Structures are given as C-alpha cells and as structure tokens.
Amino acid sequence: MAEVEHVVAVAEAAPSLASAARDLRPELSDERSAIRWLRRRVQAVRSALTALVTSVPELFGTPARLGAVRARLGLQGSGLLARPTPRTLGQ
C-alpha cells in the first residue's frame, strides 16, 4: 500500500498525469499504457478517500485528495493507506 500511496502522491504533485506516468514508469514505451496504469491507482485511492471523508465527521469538507487528507490529519509521508488507526483518523 505504501507504494500505491507514493504513486498517487507523485501524481497529485505532477503538472499532468502524463508527466507523472512518464516519471513513474519510464520502462513502458507506450505512454498510454503508463497513463492507464497510473489512472487505475489514482482512481482506486480517490474512491477510498471519498468513502473516508464522507464517513468520518472530522474530515467533512476535506477534498478526496491524498495530500488534503494527510494535511487535515497532520500526517507526513506515507502510511495513511497502509494501516488506518483511530489516531490517523483523528479520533
């Protein structure tokens, strides 16, 4: 999960999904394949974050973005997706 979290964090910080895909998967000669690979991970994490921010009262109003949820919970680096605990969920 830490790898997926890192990939999504890179995608959120990049100017475009295409540039993030090129940086994360330089071994893929077809950029479209790299973008599809990245998009699958980003969409899965955003779906999970949407469920999280709509079910935890402390997160209401927080965008379903990894950086925004980390900031709201006061977390730095990876670990949000790996093992949610009451501390990481603000309880």
C-alpha atoms as a PDB file:
ATOM      1  CA  MET A   1       0.000   0.000   0.000  1.00  0.00           C
ATOM      2  CA  ALA A   2       2.882   2.377   0.643  1.00  0.00           C
ATOM      3  CA  GLU A   3       3.916   2.061  -2.996  1.00  0.00           C
ATOM      4  CA  VAL A   4       0.408   2.907  -4.200  1.00  0.00           C
ATOM      5  CA  GLU A   5       0.277   5.844  -1.812  1.00  0.00           C
ATOM      6  CA  HIS A   6       3.623   7.097  -3.143  1.00  0.00           C
ATOM      7  CA  VAL A   7       2.412   6.763  -6.749  1.00  0.00           C
ATOM      8  CA  VAL A   8      -0.739   8.767  -6.015  1.00  0.00           C
ATOM      9  CA  ALA A   9       1.229  11.438  -4.154  1.00  0.00           C
ATOM     10  CA  VAL A  10       3.539  11.822  -7.165  1.00  0.00           C
ATOM     11  CA  ALA A  11       0.530  12.016  -9.492  1.00  0.00           C
ATOM     12  CA  GLU A  12      -1.106  14.723  -7.360  1.00  0.00           C
ATOM     13  CA  ALA A  13       2.085  16.790  -7.340  1.00  0.00           C
ATOM     14  CA  ALA A  14       2.811  16.433 -11.067  1.00  0.00           C
ATOM     15  CA  PRO A  15       1.571  19.003 -13.598  1.00  0.00           C
ATOM     16  CA  SER A  16      -0.241  16.225 -15.514  1.00  0.00           C
ATOM     17  CA  LEU A  17      -0.960  12.517 -15.327  1.00  0.00           C
ATOM     18  CA  ALA A  18       1.137  12.029 -18.458  1.00  0.00           C
ATOM     19  CA  SER A  19       4.234  13.565 -16.901  1.00  0.00           C
ATOM     20  CA  ALA A  20       3.742  11.586 -13.690  1.00  0.00           C
ATOM     21  CA  ALA A  21       3.271   8.383 -15.689  1.00  0.00           C
ATOM     22  CA  ARG A  22       6.474   9.017 -17.648  1.00  0.00           C
ATOM     23  CA  ASP A  23       8.399   9.626 -14.415  1.00  0.00           C
ATOM     24  CA  LEU A  24       6.958   6.611 -12.597  1.00  0.00           C
ATOM     25  CA  ARG A  25       7.052   4.095 -15.453  1.00  0.00           C
ATOM     26  CA  PRO A  26       9.914   5.065 -17.784  1.00  0.00           C
ATOM     27  CA  GLU A  27      10.318   1.436 -18.886  1.00  0.00           C
ATOM     28  CA  LEU A  28       6.963   1.495 -20.690  1.00  0.00           C
ATOM     29  CA  SER A  29       7.482   2.603 -24.271  1.00  0.00           C
ATOM     30  CA  ASP A  30       3.790   3.358 -24.775  1.00  0.00           C
ATOM     31  CA  GLU A  31       2.780   6.428 -22.772  1.00  0.00           C
ATOM     32  CA  ARG A  32      -0.886   5.409 -22.951  1.00  0.00           C
ATOM     33  CA  SER A  33      -0.101   2.202 -21.058  1.00  0.00           C
ATOM     34  CA  ALA A  34       1.703   4.138 -18.350  1.00  0.00           C
ATOM     35  CA  ILE A  35      -1.208   6.576 -18.024  1.00  0.00           C
ATOM     36  CA  ARG A  36      -3.724   3.720 -17.735  1.00  0.00           C
ATOM     37  CA  TRP A  37      -1.519   2.074 -15.084  1.00  0.00           C
ATOM     38  CA  LEU A  38      -1.399   5.334 -13.132  1.00  0.00           C
ATOM     39  CA  ARG A  39      -5.072   6.183 -13.595  1.00  0.00           C
ATOM     40  CA  ARG A  40      -6.165   2.822 -12.136  1.00  0.00           C
ATOM     41  CA  ARG A  41      -4.222   3.510  -8.959  1.00  0.00           C
ATOM     42  CA  VAL A  42      -5.315   7.132  -8.631  1.00  0.00           C
ATOM     43  CA  GLN A  43      -8.982   6.240  -9.133  1.00  0.00           C
ATOM     44  CA  ALA A  44      -8.863   3.454  -6.549  1.00  0.00           C
ATOM     45  CA  VAL A  45      -7.262   5.705  -3.938  1.00  0.00           C
ATOM     46  CA  ARG A  46      -9.665   8.571  -4.651  1.00  0.00           C
ATOM     47  CA  SER A  47     -12.623   6.210  -4.259  1.00  0.00           C
ATOM     48  CA  ALA A  48     -11.266   5.074  -0.899  1.00  0.00           C
ATOM     49  CA  LEU A  49     -10.593   8.659   0.182  1.00  0.00           C
ATOM     50  CA  THR A  50     -14.097   9.714  -0.858  1.00  0.00           C
ATOM     51  CA  ALA A  51     -15.541   6.972   1.343  1.00  0.00           C
ATOM     52  CA  LEU A  52     -13.250   8.046   4.178  1.00  0.00           C
ATOM     53  CA  VAL A  53     -14.017  11.780   4.076  1.00  0.00           C
ATOM     54  CA  THR A  54     -17.756  11.165   3.840  1.00  0.00           C
ATOM     55  CA  SER A  55     -17.862   8.702   6.735  1.00  0.00           C
ATOM     56  CA  VAL A  56     -15.536  10.340   9.276  1.00  0.00           C
ATOM     57  CA  PRO A  57     -17.108  13.500  10.725  1.00  0.00           C
ATOM     58  CA  GLU A  58     -13.725  15.118  11.396  1.00  0.00           C
ATOM     59  CA  LEU A  59     -12.973  15.002   7.658  1.00  0.00           C
ATOM     60  CA  PHE A  60     -16.205  16.552   6.336  1.00  0.00           C
ATOM     61  CA  GLY A  61     -15.360  19.199   3.766  1.00  0.00           C
ATOM     62  CA  THR A  62     -11.896  17.806   3.068  1.00  0.00           C
ATOM     63  CA  PRO A  63     -11.240  17.152  -0.633  1.00  0.00           C
ATOM     64  CA  ALA A  64     -10.767  13.481  -1.525  1.00  0.00           C
ATOM     65  CA  ARG A  65      -7.098  14.015  -2.322  1.00  0.00           C
ATOM     66  CA  LEU A  66      -4.248  12.267  -0.578  1.00  0.00           C
ATOM     67  CA  GLY A  67      -2.401  15.492   0.224  1.00  0.00           C
ATOM     68  CA  ALA A  68      -5.515  17.169   1.612  1.00  0.00           C
ATOM     69  CA  VAL A  69      -6.420  14.240   3.872  1.00  0.00           C
ATOM     70  CA  ARG A  70      -2.823  13.936   5.092  1.00  0.00           C
ATOM     71  CA  ALA A  71      -2.735  17.660   5.879  1.00  0.00           C
ATOM     72  CA  ARG A  72      -6.100  17.548   7.671  1.00  0.00           C
ATOM     73  CA  LEU A  73      -4.905  14.646   9.831  1.00  0.00           C
ATOM     74  CA  GLY A  74      -1.476  16.173  10.405  1.00  0.00           C
ATOM     75  CA  LEU A  75       0.352  13.286   8.747  1.00  0.00           C
ATOM     76  CA  GLN A  76       3.556  13.489   6.767  1.00  0.00           C
ATOM     77  CA  GLY A  77       4.826  10.907   4.292  1.00  0.00           C
ATOM     78  CA  SER A  78       3.196   7.598   3.590  1.00  0.00           C
ATOM     79  CA  GLY A  79       1.174   5.451   5.925  1.00  0.00           C
ATOM     80  CA  LEU A  80      -2.361   6.777   5.620  1.00  0.00           C
ATOM     81  CA  LEU A  81      -3.494   3.926   3.393  1.00  0.00           C
ATOM     82  CA  ALA A  82      -1.335   1.222   4.925  1.00  0.00           C
ATOM     83  CA  ARG A  83      -2.953   0.922   8.314  1.00  0.00           C
ATOM     84  CA  PRO A  84      -5.671   3.330   9.394  1.00  0.00           C
ATOM     85  CA  THR A  85      -5.857   3.651  13.167  1.00  0.00           C
ATOM     86  CA  PRO A  86      -8.004   5.834  15.412  1.00  0.00           C
ATOM     87  CA  ARG A  87      -5.028   8.255  15.624  1.00  0.00           C
ATOM     88  CA  THR A  88      -4.699   8.585  11.830  1.00  0.00           C
ATOM     89  CA  LEU A  89      -8.456   9.016  11.544  1.00  0.00           C
ATOM     90  CA  GLY A  90      -8.489  11.866  14.057  1.00  0.00           C
ATOM     91  CA  GLN A  91     -10.246  10.057  16.898  1.00  0.00           C
END
